């Protein structure tokens, strides 16, 4: 055999050995795929725009967003209050 033929044969043996040991090239075992959560879409109008944007999120994501908005609203309501309220200022 010539030197080139020996080199090609060595490369083929090496690649076959590597491919057999490589788990990426072998077919993965079938797994049960979890179904994707259902998305709920809402039209959201951004301040300064007349065109609503369509935003799609899962039920859990919308619940988290709503809870965050409620917390922010409560914090802003109570931010300017003084202990005792308006009556303590004589107004």
Protein backbone atom coordinates (compact mmCIF):
# COMPACT_ATOMS: atom_id res chain seq x y z
CA UNK A 1 0.00 0.00 0.00
CA UNK A 2 1.13 3.47 -0.70
CA UNK A 3 1.59 6.12 1.94
CA UNK A 4 -1.54 8.02 0.88
CA UNK A 5 -3.69 4.90 1.04
CA UNK A 6 -2.35 4.13 4.54
CA UNK A 7 -3.12 7.69 5.63
CA UNK A 8 -6.67 7.54 4.29
CA UNK A 9 -7.26 4.15 5.92
CA UNK A 10 -5.98 5.49 9.26
CA UNK A 11 -8.28 8.52 9.03
CA UNK A 12 -11.30 6.34 8.27
CA UNK A 13 -10.57 4.05 11.22
CA UNK A 14 -10.07 7.03 13.54
CA UNK A 15 -13.30 8.75 12.42
CA UNK A 16 -15.31 5.53 12.74
CA UNK A 17 -14.00 5.02 16.27
CA UNK A 18 -14.75 8.63 17.22
CA UNK A 19 -18.24 8.53 15.72
CA UNK A 20 -19.10 5.34 17.59
CA UNK A 21 -17.99 6.85 20.90
CA UNK A 22 -19.59 10.27 20.32
CA UNK A 23 -23.01 10.39 22.03
CA UNK A 24 -24.11 13.38 19.93
CA UNK A 25 -24.04 11.43 16.67
CA UNK A 26 -25.99 8.51 18.09
CA UNK A 27 -29.76 8.74 18.12
CA UNK A 28 -31.04 10.08 21.45
CA UNK A 29 -33.47 7.99 23.43
CA UNK A 30 -37.04 9.18 22.93
CA UNK A 31 -38.27 11.18 25.89
CA UNK A 32 -41.74 12.33 26.77
CA UNK A 33 -41.95 15.99 25.81
CA UNK A 34 -43.86 18.21 28.15
CA UNK A 35 -46.64 20.13 26.44
CA UNK A 36 -46.05 23.85 26.05
CA UNK A 37 -48.18 25.99 28.36
CA UNK A 38 -51.06 27.78 26.70
CA UNK A 39 -50.40 31.43 25.91
CA UNK A 40 -52.91 34.18 26.62
CA UNK A 41 -52.68 37.23 24.35
CA UNK A 42 -53.68 40.77 25.29
CA UNK A 43 -53.65 44.06 23.43
CA UNK A 44 -51.44 46.57 25.23
CA UNK A 45 -51.45 50.26 24.32
CA UNK A 46 -48.15 51.95 25.09
CA UNK A 47 -48.31 55.54 26.31
CA UNK A 48 -47.72 57.90 23.38
CA UNK A 49 -48.93 55.43 20.76
CA UNK A 50 -52.34 54.82 19.27
CA UNK A 51 -51.46 51.36 17.96
CA UNK A 52 -51.92 48.52 20.44
CA UNK A 53 -49.26 45.83 20.67
CA UNK A 54 -50.20 42.17 21.00
CA UNK A 55 -48.45 40.57 23.98
CA UNK A 56 -48.71 36.82 24.61
CA UNK A 57 -47.71 35.24 27.93
CA UNK A 58 -48.64 32.24 30.04
CA UNK A 59 -51.27 32.42 32.78
CA UNK A 60 -48.54 32.35 35.45
CA UNK A 61 -46.62 35.19 33.79
CA UNK A 62 -49.75 37.37 33.60
CA UNK A 63 -50.47 36.64 37.29
CA UNK A 64 -46.93 37.71 38.24
CA UNK A 65 -47.25 40.92 36.19
CA UNK A 66 -50.61 41.75 37.78
CA UNK A 67 -49.24 41.12 41.29
CA UNK A 68 -46.27 43.38 40.57
CA UNK A 69 -48.58 46.15 39.32
CA UNK A 70 -50.75 45.90 42.44
CA UNK A 71 -47.66 46.11 44.68
CA UNK A 72 -46.39 49.16 42.80
CA UNK A 73 -49.79 50.85 43.06
CA UNK A 74 -49.97 50.19 46.80
CA UNK A 75 -46.44 51.51 47.33
CA UNK A 76 -47.18 54.70 45.38
CA UNK A 77 -50.40 55.27 47.35
CA UNK A 78 -48.58 55.02 50.65
CA UNK A 79 -45.38 56.81 49.62
CA UNK A 80 -46.58 60.36 50.34
CA UNK A 81 -48.51 59.65 53.49
CA UNK A 82 -47.34 61.02 56.76
CA UNK A 83 -48.04 59.32 60.07
CA UNK A 84 -51.38 60.60 61.24
CA UNK A 85 -52.61 61.56 57.78
CA UNK A 86 -54.09 64.92 56.66
CA UNK A 87 -56.02 65.43 59.88
CA UNK A 88 -52.83 65.83 61.91
CA UNK A 89 -51.79 68.80 59.74
CA UNK A 90 -54.96 70.71 60.56
CA UNK A 91 -56.30 70.66 57.03
